[in-house]
Amino acid sequence: MFRCGKTAQNAIMAMSCLAEAYDEGATKLSSQDIAQRRRLPKPNVAKLLVALSQANLLLGTPGPRGGYWLAKPPSDINLYEIVALFEQMEKTVDCPLGAGRCGQQTPCALHDELEKLDQQFKGFLRKTTLEVFSQNSSS
């Protein structure tokens, strides 16, 4: 999907599932529901939901009628917030010639283009909200 690791990708899948069902907390999805809908292992989804809840992106209630829902509208949660929980987003782009090469005197031939791509990717994550997955989306 993107340059993100599998955990961040799975977190986006779980959050997109909750965005699809978003109705201000009236609909709650269990980790089992999300795992089935996104074809993900339930233990992985359960761990992701705990991390996302601790980051105040989700709310949840335990028990047979419990489940999870987005803590705020899909339009108020961007992909960067999700990915940054699982990736080192502020880390600089590694030089293809080896660690520490760029930034030492003359940057490599790819340095400027890699930096530009990195900034574009981060910009995409910041501007893209879960609203794109929401059934309430106007798109």
N, C-alpha and C. Protein backbone atom coordinates (compact mmCIF):
# COMPACT_ATOMS: atom_id res chain seq x y z
N MET A 1 0.84 -1.19 0.00
CA MET A 1 0.00 0.00 0.00
C MET A 1 0.88 1.25 0.00
N PHE A 2 1.53 1.59 1.10
CA PHE A 2 2.44 2.73 1.10
C PHE A 2 3.80 2.29 1.57
N ARG A 3 4.61 3.27 1.83
CA ARG A 3 5.96 3.00 2.33
C ARG A 3 5.92 2.69 3.82
N CYS A 4 4.79 2.69 4.42
CA CYS A 4 4.65 2.38 5.85
C CYS A 4 4.81 0.89 6.09
N GLY A 5 5.20 0.56 7.32
CA GLY A 5 5.30 -0.83 7.70
C GLY A 5 3.93 -1.48 7.84
N LYS A 6 3.94 -2.79 7.99
CA LYS A 6 2.70 -3.57 8.06
C LYS A 6 1.81 -3.16 9.23
N THR A 7 2.41 -2.84 10.38
CA THR A 7 1.61 -2.47 11.54
C THR A 7 0.83 -1.18 11.26
N ALA A 8 1.49 -0.19 10.68
CA ALA A 8 0.81 1.07 10.36
C ALA A 8 -0.27 0.84 9.29
N GLN A 9 0.02 0.01 8.33
CA GLN A 9 -0.98 -0.30 7.30
C GLN A 9 -2.20 -0.98 7.92
N ASN A 10 -1.96 -1.92 8.83
CA ASN A 10 -3.07 -2.60 9.50
C ASN A 10 -3.87 -1.64 10.36
N ALA A 11 -3.18 -0.69 10.99
CA ALA A 11 -3.88 0.32 11.80
C ALA A 11 -4.79 1.17 10.92
N ILE A 12 -4.32 1.54 9.75
CA ILE A 12 -5.16 2.30 8.81
C ILE A 12 -6.36 1.45 8.39
N MET A 13 -6.14 0.17 8.15
CA MET A 13 -7.26 -0.72 7.78
C MET A 13 -8.30 -0.77 8.89
N ALA A 14 -7.85 -0.91 10.13
CA ALA A 14 -8.78 -0.97 11.26
C ALA A 14 -9.53 0.35 11.40
N MET A 15 -8.81 1.46 11.30
CA MET A 15 -9.46 2.77 11.44
C MET A 15 -10.40 3.05 10.27
N SER A 16 -10.04 2.60 9.07
CA SER A 16 -10.93 2.81 7.93
C SER A 16 -12.24 2.03 8.12
N CYS A 17 -12.14 0.87 8.74
CA CYS A 17 -13.33 0.08 9.04
C CYS A 17 -14.25 0.83 10.00
N LEU A 18 -13.65 1.42 11.03
CA LEU A 18 -14.43 2.20 11.99
C LEU A 18 -14.99 3.47 11.35
N ALA A 19 -14.26 4.05 10.41
CA ALA A 19 -14.76 5.24 9.71
C ALA A 19 -15.96 4.88 8.84
N GLU A 20 -15.93 3.71 8.22
CA GLU A 20 -17.07 3.27 7.40
C GLU A 20 -18.33 3.14 8.24
N ALA A 21 -18.16 2.72 9.48
CA ALA A 21 -19.31 2.50 10.37
C ALA A 21 -19.63 3.71 11.23
N TYR A 22 -18.90 4.81 11.06
CA TYR A 22 -19.02 5.95 11.96
C TYR A 22 -20.42 6.54 11.98
N ASP A 23 -20.96 6.67 13.18
CA ASP A 23 -22.23 7.36 13.39
C ASP A 23 -22.26 7.93 14.81
N GLU A 24 -21.17 8.62 15.14
CA GLU A 24 -21.02 9.32 16.43
C GLU A 24 -21.13 8.37 17.62
N GLY A 25 -20.61 7.16 17.49
CA GLY A 25 -20.56 6.23 18.60
C GLY A 25 -21.75 5.32 18.75
N ALA A 26 -22.77 5.48 17.92
CA ALA A 26 -23.94 4.61 18.04
C ALA A 26 -23.62 3.18 17.61
N THR A 27 -22.73 3.02 16.63
CA THR A 27 -22.32 1.70 16.18
C THR A 27 -20.95 1.40 16.73
N LYS A 28 -20.85 0.28 17.44
CA LYS A 28 -19.58 -0.16 18.01
C LYS A 28 -19.16 -1.43 17.29
N LEU A 29 -17.88 -1.53 16.97
CA LEU A 29 -17.36 -2.73 16.34
C LEU A 29 -16.36 -3.39 17.28
N SER A 30 -16.45 -4.69 17.41
CA SER A 30 -15.50 -5.43 18.22
C SER A 30 -14.22 -5.66 17.42
N SER A 31 -13.18 -6.08 18.11
CA SER A 31 -11.94 -6.41 17.40
C SER A 31 -12.19 -7.57 16.44
N GLN A 32 -13.09 -8.48 16.82
CA GLN A 32 -13.46 -9.60 15.94
C GLN A 32 -14.15 -9.08 14.67
N ASP A 33 -15.08 -8.14 14.82
CA ASP A 33 -15.76 -7.55 13.66
C ASP A 33 -14.75 -6.94 12.69
N ILE A 34 -13.85 -6.15 13.23
CA ILE A 34 -12.85 -5.46 12.40
C ILE A 34 -11.92 -6.47 11.74
N ALA A 35 -11.48 -7.46 12.50
CA ALA A 35 -10.58 -8.49 11.96
C ALA A 35 -11.25 -9.22 10.80
N GLN A 36 -12.51 -9.57 10.95
CA GLN A 36 -13.22 -10.27 9.89
C GLN A 36 -13.42 -9.38 8.67
N ARG A 37 -13.84 -8.15 8.88
CA ARG A 37 -14.10 -7.25 7.76
C ARG A 37 -12.84 -6.91 6.96
N ARG A 38 -11.70 -6.87 7.65
CA ARG A 38 -10.45 -6.49 6.98
C ARG A 38 -9.52 -7.69 6.75
N ARG A 39 -10.00 -8.88 7.12
CA ARG A 39 -9.21 -10.11 6.95
C ARG A 39 -7.83 -9.99 7.61
N LEU A 40 -7.86 -9.58 8.85
CA LEU A 40 -6.65 -9.43 9.65
C LEU A 40 -6.72 -10.38 10.83
N PRO A 41 -5.57 -10.80 11.37
CA PRO A 41 -5.59 -11.65 12.56
C PRO A 41 -6.16 -10.90 13.77
N LYS A 42 -7.11 -11.53 14.46
CA LYS A 42 -7.77 -10.88 15.59
C LYS A 42 -6.79 -10.42 16.68
N PRO A 43 -5.78 -11.22 17.05
CA PRO A 43 -4.85 -10.74 18.09
C PRO A 43 -4.12 -9.45 17.67
N ASN A 44 -3.77 -9.34 16.40
CA ASN A 44 -3.11 -8.12 15.91
C ASN A 44 -4.05 -6.92 16.00
N VAL A 45 -5.30 -7.13 15.60
CA VAL A 45 -6.29 -6.05 15.64
C VAL A 45 -6.51 -5.61 17.09
N ALA A 46 -6.61 -6.55 17.99
CA ALA A 46 -6.82 -6.22 19.41
C ALA A 46 -5.68 -5.34 19.93
N LYS A 47 -4.45 -5.68 19.60
CA LYS A 47 -3.30 -4.88 20.03
C LYS A 47 -3.32 -3.49 19.41
N LEU A 48 -3.66 -3.41 18.14
CA LEU A 48 -3.74 -2.12 17.46
C LEU A 48 -4.80 -1.23 18.10
N LEU A 49 -5.95 -1.82 18.42
CA LEU A 49 -7.03 -1.04 19.01
C LEU A 49 -6.65 -0.48 20.37
N VAL A 50 -5.89 -1.24 21.13
CA VAL A 50 -5.40 -0.73 22.42
C VAL A 50 -4.50 0.48 22.20
N ALA A 51 -3.55 0.37 21.28
CA ALA A 51 -2.64 1.49 20.99
C ALA A 51 -3.40 2.70 20.47
N LEU A 52 -4.35 2.50 19.60
CA LEU A 52 -5.14 3.60 19.05
C LEU A 52 -6.03 4.24 20.12
N SER A 53 -6.52 3.42 21.04
CA SER A 53 -7.31 3.95 22.16
C SER A 53 -6.43 4.78 23.09
N GLN A 54 -5.24 4.30 23.38
CA GLN A 54 -4.31 5.03 24.24
C GLN A 54 -3.90 6.36 23.63
N ALA A 55 -3.94 6.44 22.30
CA ALA A 55 -3.63 7.69 21.60
C ALA A 55 -4.86 8.59 21.47
N ASN A 56 -5.96 8.20 22.09
CA ASN A 56 -7.21 8.96 22.07
C ASN A 56 -7.82 9.11 20.69
N LEU A 57 -7.57 8.14 19.81
CA LEU A 57 -8.20 8.14 18.50
C LEU A 57 -9.47 7.29 18.50
N LEU A 58 -9.57 6.40 19.48
CA LEU A 58 -10.74 5.52 19.62
C LEU A 58 -11.28 5.60 21.03
N LEU A 59 -12.54 5.25 21.14
CA LEU A 59 -13.18 5.03 22.44
C LEU A 59 -13.70 3.60 22.41
N GLY A 60 -13.86 3.02 23.58
CA GLY A 60 -14.35 1.66 23.61
C GLY A 60 -15.02 1.33 24.93
N THR A 61 -15.84 0.31 24.87
CA THR A 61 -16.47 -0.22 26.07
C THR A 61 -16.31 -1.74 26.05
N PRO A 62 -16.05 -2.33 27.23
CA PRO A 62 -15.89 -3.78 27.29
C PRO A 62 -17.25 -4.48 27.35
N GLY A 63 -17.19 -5.78 27.20
CA GLY A 63 -18.40 -6.59 27.39
C GLY A 63 -19.03 -7.04 26.10
N PRO A 64 -20.08 -7.87 26.25
CA PRO A 64 -20.74 -8.45 25.07
C PRO A 64 -21.36 -7.42 24.14
N ARG A 65 -21.81 -6.31 24.67
CA ARG A 65 -22.38 -5.25 23.81
C ARG A 65 -21.39 -4.12 23.59
N GLY A 66 -20.15 -4.35 23.97
CA GLY A 66 -19.11 -3.35 23.85
C GLY A 66 -18.51 -3.32 22.46
N GLY A 67 -17.48 -2.55 22.35
CA GLY A 67 -16.80 -2.43 21.07
C GLY A 67 -16.07 -1.10 21.00
N TYR A 68 -15.62 -0.77 19.83
CA TYR A 68 -14.84 0.44 19.59
C TYR A 68 -15.54 1.34 18.59
N TRP A 69 -15.26 2.63 18.69
CA TRP A 69 -15.72 3.63 17.73
C TRP A 69 -14.72 4.77 17.74
N LEU A 70 -14.76 5.57 16.67
CA LEU A 70 -13.84 6.70 16.56
C LEU A 70 -14.14 7.72 17.65
N ALA A 71 -13.07 8.29 18.22
CA ALA A 71 -13.22 9.28 19.29
C ALA A 71 -13.66 10.64 18.75
N LYS A 72 -13.51 10.85 17.46
CA LYS A 72 -13.93 12.11 16.83
C LYS A 72 -14.33 11.81 15.40
N PRO A 73 -14.97 12.73 14.73
CA PRO A 73 -15.42 12.48 13.36
C PRO A 73 -14.26 12.08 12.44
N PRO A 74 -14.55 11.25 11.44
CA PRO A 74 -13.50 10.84 10.50
C PRO A 74 -12.76 12.02 9.86
N SER A 75 -13.45 13.11 9.67
CA SER A 75 -12.81 14.29 9.05
C SER A 75 -11.79 14.94 9.97
N ASP A 76 -11.79 14.56 11.23
CA ASP A 76 -10.86 15.15 12.21
C ASP A 76 -9.68 14.23 12.54
N ILE A 77 -9.57 13.12 11.84
CA ILE A 77 -8.45 12.20 12.07
C ILE A 77 -7.72 12.00 10.74
N ASN A 78 -6.47 12.43 10.70
CA ASN A 78 -5.72 12.23 9.45
C ASN A 78 -4.84 10.99 9.54
N LEU A 79 -4.42 10.51 8.39
CA LEU A 79 -3.62 9.30 8.34
C LEU A 79 -2.27 9.47 9.04
N TYR A 80 -1.75 10.67 9.04
CA TYR A 80 -0.47 10.92 9.70
C TYR A 80 -0.55 10.58 11.19
N GLU A 81 -1.66 10.97 11.83
CA GLU A 81 -1.84 10.67 13.26
C GLU A 81 -1.76 9.17 13.53
N ILE A 82 -2.30 8.40 12.63
CA ILE A 82 -2.33 6.95 12.79
C ILE A 82 -0.94 6.37 12.53
N VAL A 83 -0.37 6.73 11.40
CA VAL A 83 0.93 6.18 11.01
C VAL A 83 2.02 6.57 12.01
N ALA A 84 1.98 7.79 12.51
CA ALA A 84 3.01 8.27 13.44
C ALA A 84 3.05 7.47 14.74
N LEU A 85 1.98 6.78 15.06
CA LEU A 85 1.99 5.93 16.26
C LEU A 85 2.89 4.71 16.09
N PHE A 86 3.11 4.31 14.84
CA PHE A 86 3.81 3.06 14.57
C PHE A 86 5.09 3.23 13.75
N GLU A 87 5.32 4.43 13.25
CA GLU A 87 6.49 4.70 12.41
C GLU A 87 7.24 5.92 12.95
N GLN A 88 8.52 5.98 12.69
CA GLN A 88 9.32 7.15 13.05
C GLN A 88 9.22 8.16 11.91
N MET A 89 8.20 8.96 11.94
CA MET A 89 7.90 9.85 10.81
C MET A 89 8.87 11.02 10.67
N GLU A 90 9.48 11.42 11.73
CA GLU A 90 10.37 12.57 11.64
C GLU A 90 11.81 12.17 11.37
N LYS A 91 12.03 10.90 11.22
CA LYS A 91 13.36 10.40 10.87
C LYS A 91 13.70 10.89 9.46
N THR A 92 14.94 11.26 9.25
CA THR A 92 15.34 11.72 7.92
C THR A 92 15.44 10.53 6.97
N VAL A 93 15.38 10.83 5.69
CA VAL A 93 15.49 9.80 4.66
C VAL A 93 16.92 9.28 4.65
N ASP A 94 17.06 7.95 4.65
CA ASP A 94 18.40 7.35 4.61
C ASP A 94 19.01 7.52 3.23
N CYS A 95 20.27 7.82 3.21
CA CYS A 95 21.01 7.97 1.96
C CYS A 95 21.25 6.59 1.34
N PRO A 96 21.04 6.44 0.03
CA PRO A 96 21.28 5.15 -0.62
C PRO A 96 22.76 4.77 -0.64
N LEU A 97 23.66 5.71 -0.36
CA LEU A 97 25.09 5.41 -0.33
C LEU A 97 25.56 4.97 1.05
N GLY A 98 24.66 4.97 2.02
CA GLY A 98 25.02 4.54 3.36
C GLY A 98 24.70 5.59 4.39
N ALA A 99 24.51 5.15 5.60
CA ALA A 99 24.15 6.04 6.70
C ALA A 99 25.22 7.11 6.89
N GLY A 100 24.77 8.33 7.08
CA GLY A 100 25.68 9.43 7.37
C GLY A 100 26.34 10.07 6.17
N ARG A 101 26.10 9.56 4.96
CA ARG A 101 26.74 10.14 3.77
C ARG A 101 26.17 11.51 3.44
N CYS A 102 24.85 11.60 3.35
CA CYS A 102 24.23 12.90 3.06
C CYS A 102 24.29 13.73 4.33
N GLY A 103 24.45 14.99 4.16
CA GLY A 103 24.59 15.87 5.32
C GLY A 103 26.05 16.08 5.66
N GLN A 104 26.92 15.25 5.12
CA GLN A 104 28.36 15.40 5.25
C GLN A 104 28.84 16.02 3.94
N GLN A 105 29.16 17.27 3.94
CA GLN A 105 29.64 17.99 2.76
C GLN A 105 28.64 17.95 1.63
N THR A 106 28.89 17.17 0.58
CA THR A 106 28.04 17.17 -0.61
C THR A 106 27.02 16.04 -0.55
N PRO A 107 25.71 16.36 -0.69
CA PRO A 107 24.70 15.30 -0.69
C PRO A 107 24.81 14.42 -1.94
N CYS A 108 24.28 13.21 -1.85
CA CYS A 108 24.31 12.30 -3.00
C CYS A 108 23.39 12.81 -4.10
N ALA A 109 23.48 12.16 -5.26
CA ALA A 109 22.71 12.58 -6.44
C ALA A 109 21.20 12.45 -6.25
N LEU A 110 20.76 11.58 -5.35
CA LEU A 110 19.32 11.36 -5.14
C LEU A 110 18.77 12.13 -3.95
N HIS A 111 19.61 12.77 -3.18
CA HIS A 111 19.21 13.40 -1.93
C HIS A 111 17.99 14.32 -2.08
N ASP A 112 18.07 15.28 -2.97
CA ASP A 112 16.98 16.26 -3.10
C ASP A 112 15.67 15.61 -3.52
N GLU A 113 15.73 14.66 -4.45
CA GLU A 113 14.51 13.99 -4.90
C GLU A 113 13.91 13.13 -3.79
N LEU A 114 14.75 12.43 -3.03
CA LEU A 114 14.24 11.60 -1.93
C LEU A 114 13.62 12.47 -0.84
N GLU A 115 14.24 13.59 -0.55
CA GLU A 115 13.66 14.52 0.43
C GLU A 115 12.31 15.04 -0.04
N LYS A 116 12.23 15.37 -1.32
CA LYS A 116 10.97 15.88 -1.89
C LYS A 116 9.88 14.81 -1.81
N LEU A 117 10.20 13.58 -2.16
CA LEU A 117 9.23 12.49 -2.07
C LEU A 117 8.77 12.26 -0.64
N ASP A 118 9.71 12.31 0.31
CA ASP A 118 9.38 12.13 1.71
C ASP A 118 8.41 13.22 2.18
N GLN A 119 8.66 14.45 1.80
CA GLN A 119 7.78 15.56 2.18
C GLN A 119 6.40 15.43 1.53
N GLN A 120 6.36 14.98 0.27
CA GLN A 120 5.08 14.77 -0.41
C GLN A 120 4.28 13.68 0.30
N PHE A 121 4.94 12.60 0.68
CA PHE A 121 4.27 11.51 1.36
C PHE A 121 3.70 11.98 2.70
N LYS A 122 4.50 12.69 3.48
CA LYS A 122 4.02 13.20 4.76
C LYS A 122 2.88 14.19 4.57
N GLY A 123 2.97 15.02 3.54
CA GLY A 123 1.89 15.95 3.23
C GLY A 123 0.60 15.22 2.88
N PHE A 124 0.72 14.15 2.09
CA PHE A 124 -0.43 13.33 1.74
C PHE A 124 -1.09 12.76 2.99
N LEU A 125 -0.28 12.21 3.90
CA LEU A 125 -0.82 11.64 5.13
C LEU A 125 -1.50 12.69 6.00
N ARG A 126 -0.94 13.90 6.03
CA ARG A 126 -1.52 14.97 6.86
C ARG A 126 -2.84 15.49 6.28
N LYS A 127 -2.94 15.56 4.97
CA LYS A 127 -4.17 16.12 4.38
C LYS A 127 -5.27 15.09 4.19
N THR A 128 -4.92 13.81 4.20
CA THR A 128 -5.92 12.76 3.97
C THR A 128 -6.51 12.32 5.31
N THR A 129 -7.81 12.49 5.43
CA THR A 129 -8.50 12.11 6.66
C THR A 129 -9.29 10.82 6.45
N LEU A 130 -9.75 10.27 7.54
CA LEU A 130 -10.57 9.06 7.47
C LEU A 130 -11.91 9.30 6.80
N GLU A 131 -12.22 10.54 6.55
CA GLU A 131 -13.48 10.85 5.87
C GLU A 131 -13.56 10.18 4.51
N VAL A 132 -12.42 9.92 3.88
CA VAL A 132 -12.44 9.26 2.56
C VAL A 132 -13.04 7.86 2.66
N PHE A 133 -13.05 7.27 3.85
CA PHE A 133 -13.60 5.93 4.05
C PHE A 133 -15.02 5.95 4.61
N SER A 134 -15.47 7.10 5.03
CA SER A 134 -16.74 7.22 5.74
C SER A 134 -17.92 7.12 4.79
N GLN A 135 -18.94 6.41 5.22
CA GLN A 135 -20.18 6.34 4.43
C GLN A 135 -20.88 7.69 4.40
N ASN A 136 -20.49 8.56 5.35
CA ASN A 136 -21.06 9.90 5.40
C ASN A 136 -20.31 10.89 4.53
N SER A 137 -19.26 10.42 3.86
CA SER A 137 -18.45 11.29 3.02
C SER A 137 -19.23 11.73 1.80
N SER A 138 -18.99 12.96 1.39
CA SER A 138 -19.71 13.49 0.23
C SER A 138 -19.02 13.12 -1.08
N SER A 139 -17.87 12.41 -1.02
CA SER A 139 -17.18 12.06 -2.25
C SER A 139 -17.63 10.75 -2.84
